[in-house]
Amino acid sequence: MDDIPEDLRHNLCMRLSRVKDGGKAHQWILRNERLTKLIMAVV
């Protein structure tokens, strides 16, 4: 993720937050500790 500019990481987080799948994507992200840490580093 360090190779991806912060603005693109932020955009990815925003897109993920808008996924309408009944919360499945959000649960998957929250269960993935590494991905959660990377996202929180952007927020």
PDB file of N, CA and C in Angstrom:
ATOM      1  N   MET A   1       0.816  -1.196   0.000  1.00  0.00           N
ATOM      2  CA  MET A   1       0.000   0.000   0.000  1.00  0.00           C
ATOM      3  C   MET A   1       0.857   1.255   0.000  1.00  0.00           C
ATOM      4  N   ASP A   2       2.077   1.184   0.483  1.00  0.00           N
ATOM      5  CA  ASP A   2       2.914   2.374   0.531  1.00  0.00           C
ATOM      6  C   ASP A   2       3.215   2.904  -0.863  1.00  0.00           C
ATOM      7  N   ASP A   3       3.153   2.035  -1.873  1.00  0.00           N
ATOM      8  CA  ASP A   3       3.417   2.462  -3.245  1.00  0.00           C
ATOM      9  C   ASP A   3       2.232   3.200  -3.858  1.00  0.00           C
ATOM     10  N   ILE A   4       1.071   3.058  -3.247  1.00  0.00           N
ATOM     11  CA  ILE A   4      -0.133   3.711  -3.759  1.00  0.00           C
ATOM     12  C   ILE A   4      -0.277   5.060  -3.060  1.00  0.00           C
ATOM     13  N   PRO A   5      -0.426   6.137  -3.821  1.00  0.00           N
ATOM     14  CA  PRO A   5      -0.559   7.457  -3.208  1.00  0.00           C
ATOM     15  C   PRO A   5      -1.744   7.518  -2.237  1.00  0.00           C
ATOM     16  N   GLU A   6      -1.605   8.354  -1.231  1.00  0.00           N
ATOM     17  CA  GLU A   6      -2.619   8.443  -0.181  1.00  0.00           C
ATOM     18  C   GLU A   6      -3.990   8.829  -0.736  1.00  0.00           C
ATOM     19  N   ASP A   7      -4.045   9.715  -1.725  1.00  0.00           N
ATOM     20  CA  ASP A   7      -5.345  10.115  -2.263  1.00  0.00           C
ATOM     21  C   ASP A   7      -6.062   8.943  -2.930  1.00  0.00           C
ATOM     22  N   LEU A   8      -5.321   8.058  -3.572  1.00  0.00           N
ATOM     23  CA  LEU A   8      -5.947   6.882  -4.175  1.00  0.00           C
ATOM     24  C   LEU A   8      -6.400   5.891  -3.109  1.00  0.00           C
ATOM     25  N   ARG A   9      -5.619   5.748  -2.049  1.00  0.00           N
ATOM     26  CA  ARG A   9      -6.036   4.869  -0.939  1.00  0.00           C
ATOM     27  C   ARG A   9      -7.313   5.404  -0.301  1.00  0.00           C
ATOM     28  N   HIS A  10      -7.374   6.720  -0.129  1.00  0.00           N
ATOM     29  CA  HIS A  10      -8.560   7.334   0.462  1.00  0.00           C
ATOM     30  C   HIS A  10      -9.767   7.096  -0.436  1.00  0.00           C
ATOM     31  N   ASN A  11      -9.591   7.259  -1.742  1.00  0.00           N
ATOM     32  CA  ASN A  11     -10.668   7.031  -2.687  1.00  0.00           C
ATOM     33  C   ASN A  11     -11.156   5.584  -2.614  1.00  0.00           C
ATOM     34  N   LEU A  12     -10.238   4.651  -2.493  1.00  0.00           N
ATOM     35  CA  LEU A  12     -10.603   3.240  -2.368  1.00  0.00           C
ATOM     36  C   LEU A  12     -11.436   3.012  -1.108  1.00  0.00           C
ATOM     37  N   CYS A  13     -11.034   3.617  -0.010  1.00  0.00           N
ATOM     38  CA  CYS A  13     -11.799   3.489   1.241  1.00  0.00           C
ATOM     39  C   CYS A  13     -13.209   4.037   1.072  1.00  0.00           C
ATOM     40  N   MET A  14     -13.322   5.168   0.410  1.00  0.00           N
ATOM     41  CA  MET A  14     -14.641   5.768   0.186  1.00  0.00           C
ATOM     42  C   MET A  14     -15.514   4.849  -0.676  1.00  0.00           C
ATOM     43  N   ARG A  15     -14.927   4.266  -1.701  1.00  0.00           N
ATOM     44  CA  ARG A  15     -15.689   3.358  -2.558  1.00  0.00           C
ATOM     45  C   ARG A  15     -16.127   2.114  -1.784  1.00  0.00           C
ATOM     46  N   LEU A  16     -15.233   1.575  -0.979  1.00  0.00           N
ATOM     47  CA  LEU A  16     -15.582   0.398  -0.184  1.00  0.00           C
ATOM     48  C   LEU A  16     -16.708   0.706   0.798  1.00  0.00           C
ATOM     49  N   SER A  17     -16.701   1.911   1.342  1.00  0.00           N
ATOM     50  CA  SER A  17     -17.730   2.275   2.314  1.00  0.00           C
ATOM     51  C   SER A  17     -19.111   2.391   1.667  1.00  0.00           C
ATOM     52  N   ARG A  18     -19.164   2.573   0.355  1.00  0.00           N
ATOM     53  CA  ARG A  18     -20.440   2.741  -0.347  1.00  0.00           C
ATOM     54  C   ARG A  18     -21.001   1.439  -0.934  1.00  0.00           C
ATOM     55  N   VAL A  19     -20.280   0.338  -0.757  1.00  0.00           N
ATOM     56  CA  VAL A  19     -20.736  -0.946  -1.299  1.00  0.00           C
ATOM     57  C   VAL A  19     -22.055  -1.333  -0.632  1.00  0.00           C
ATOM     58  N   LYS A  20     -23.040  -1.680  -1.466  1.00  0.00           N
ATOM     59  CA  LYS A  20     -24.359  -2.072  -0.952  1.00  0.00           C
ATOM     60  C   LYS A  20     -24.546  -3.563  -1.171  1.00  0.00           C
ATOM     61  N   ASP A  21     -24.069  -4.328  -0.219  1.00  0.00           N
ATOM     62  CA  ASP A  21     -24.184  -5.786  -0.323  1.00  0.00           C
ATOM     63  C   ASP A  21     -24.655  -6.398   0.993  1.00  0.00           C
ATOM     64  N   GLY A  22     -25.362  -5.600   1.768  1.00  0.00           N
ATOM     65  CA  GLY A  22     -25.860  -6.101   3.045  1.00  0.00           C
ATOM     66  C   GLY A  22     -24.784  -6.205   4.107  1.00  0.00           C
ATOM     67  N   GLY A  23     -23.687  -5.507   3.930  1.00  0.00           N
ATOM     68  CA  GLY A  23     -22.616  -5.493   4.923  1.00  0.00           C
ATOM     69  C   GLY A  23     -21.570  -6.580   4.757  1.00  0.00           C
ATOM     70  N   LYS A  24     -21.684  -7.395   3.720  1.00  0.00           N
ATOM     71  CA  LYS A  24     -20.725  -8.490   3.531  1.00  0.00           C
ATOM     72  C   LYS A  24     -19.307  -7.971   3.322  1.00  0.00           C
ATOM     73  N   ALA A  25     -19.149  -6.926   2.516  1.00  0.00           N
ATOM     74  CA  ALA A  25     -17.811  -6.374   2.271  1.00  0.00           C
ATOM     75  C   ALA A  25     -17.240  -5.789   3.558  1.00  0.00           C
ATOM     76  N   HIS A  26     -18.065  -5.095   4.315  1.00  0.00           N
ATOM     77  CA  HIS A  26     -17.590  -4.500   5.563  1.00  0.00           C
ATOM     78  C   HIS A  26     -17.146  -5.570   6.547  1.00  0.00           C
ATOM     79  N   GLN A  27     -17.900  -6.648   6.657  1.00  0.00           N
ATOM     80  CA  GLN A  27     -17.524  -7.736   7.558  1.00  0.00           C
ATOM     81  C   GLN A  27     -16.224  -8.386   7.110  1.00  0.00           C
ATOM     82  N   TRP A  28     -16.065  -8.551   5.803  1.00  0.00           N
ATOM     83  CA  TRP A  28     -14.840  -9.156   5.282  1.00  0.00           C
ATOM     84  C   TRP A  28     -13.647  -8.279   5.625  1.00  0.00           C
ATOM     85  N   ILE A  29     -13.795  -6.977   5.456  1.00  0.00           N
ATOM     86  CA  ILE A  29     -12.709  -6.037   5.762  1.00  0.00           C
ATOM     87  C   ILE A  29     -12.381  -6.082   7.249  1.00  0.00           C
ATOM     88  N   LEU A  30     -13.396  -6.043   8.090  1.00  0.00           N
ATOM     89  CA  LEU A  30     -13.165  -6.030   9.537  1.00  0.00           C
ATOM     90  C   LEU A  30     -12.512  -7.319  10.028  1.00  0.00           C
ATOM     91  N   ARG A  31     -12.747  -8.411   9.349  1.00  0.00           N
ATOM     92  CA  ARG A  31     -12.135  -9.686   9.737  1.00  0.00           C
ATOM     93  C   ARG A  31     -10.699  -9.803   9.249  1.00  0.00           C
ATOM     94  N   ASN A  32     -10.302  -8.941   8.329  1.00  0.00           N
ATOM     95  CA  ASN A  32      -8.954  -8.963   7.770  1.00  0.00           C
ATOM     96  C   ASN A  32      -8.120  -7.909   8.507  1.00  0.00           C
ATOM     97  N   GLU A  33      -7.368  -8.353   9.500  1.00  0.00           N
ATOM     98  CA  GLU A  33      -6.628  -7.438  10.364  1.00  0.00           C
ATOM     99  C   GLU A  33      -5.641  -6.551   9.585  1.00  0.00           C
ATOM    100  N   ARG A  34      -4.941  -7.139   8.650  1.00  0.00           N
ATOM    101  CA  ARG A  34      -3.955  -6.363   7.883  1.00  0.00           C
ATOM    102  C   ARG A  34      -4.638  -5.266   7.055  1.00  0.00           C
ATOM    103  N   LEU A  35      -5.716  -5.622   6.387  1.00  0.00           N
ATOM    104  CA  LEU A  35      -6.444  -4.652   5.578  1.00  0.00           C
ATOM    105  C   LEU A  35      -7.044  -3.559   6.460  1.00  0.00           C
ATOM    106  N   THR A  36      -7.577  -3.929   7.603  1.00  0.00           N
ATOM    107  CA  THR A  36      -8.129  -2.943   8.524  1.00  0.00           C
ATOM    108  C   THR A  36      -7.065  -1.947   8.965  1.00  0.00           C
ATOM    109  N   LYS A  37      -5.877  -2.423   9.280  1.00  0.00           N
ATOM    110  CA  LYS A  37      -4.795  -1.529   9.686  1.00  0.00           C
ATOM    111  C   LYS A  37      -4.391  -0.575   8.559  1.00  0.00           C
ATOM    112  N   LEU A  38      -4.347  -1.089   7.327  1.00  0.00           N
ATOM    113  CA  LEU A  38      -3.999  -0.250   6.187  1.00  0.00           C
ATOM    114  C   LEU A  38      -5.050   0.839   5.957  1.00  0.00           C
ATOM    115  N   ILE A  39      -6.301   0.470   6.106  1.00  0.00           N
ATOM    116  CA  ILE A  39      -7.375   1.443   5.929  1.00  0.00           C
ATOM    117  C   ILE A  39      -7.321   2.487   7.035  1.00  0.00           C
ATOM    118  N   MET A  40      -7.124   2.052   8.250  1.00  0.00           N
ATOM    119  CA  MET A  40      -7.082   2.993   9.373  1.00  0.00           C
ATOM    120  C   MET A  40      -5.885   3.948   9.270  1.00  0.00           C
ATOM    121  N   ALA A  41      -4.852   3.540   8.596  1.00  0.00           N
ATOM    122  CA  ALA A  41      -3.694   4.413   8.405  1.00  0.00           C
ATOM    123  C   ALA A  41      -4.034   5.584   7.484  1.00  0.00           C
ATOM    124  N   VAL A  42      -5.042   5.420   6.659  1.00  0.00           N
ATOM    125  CA  VAL A  42      -5.462   6.460   5.727  1.00  0.00           C
ATOM    126  C   VAL A  42      -6.462   7.408   6.376  1.00  0.00           C
ATOM    127  N   VAL A  43      -7.292   6.868   7.218  1.00  0.00           N
ATOM    128  CA  VAL A  43      -8.388   7.645   7.816  1.00  0.00           C
ATOM    129  C   VAL A  43      -7.863   8.625   8.834  1.00  0.00           C
TER     130      VAL A  43
END
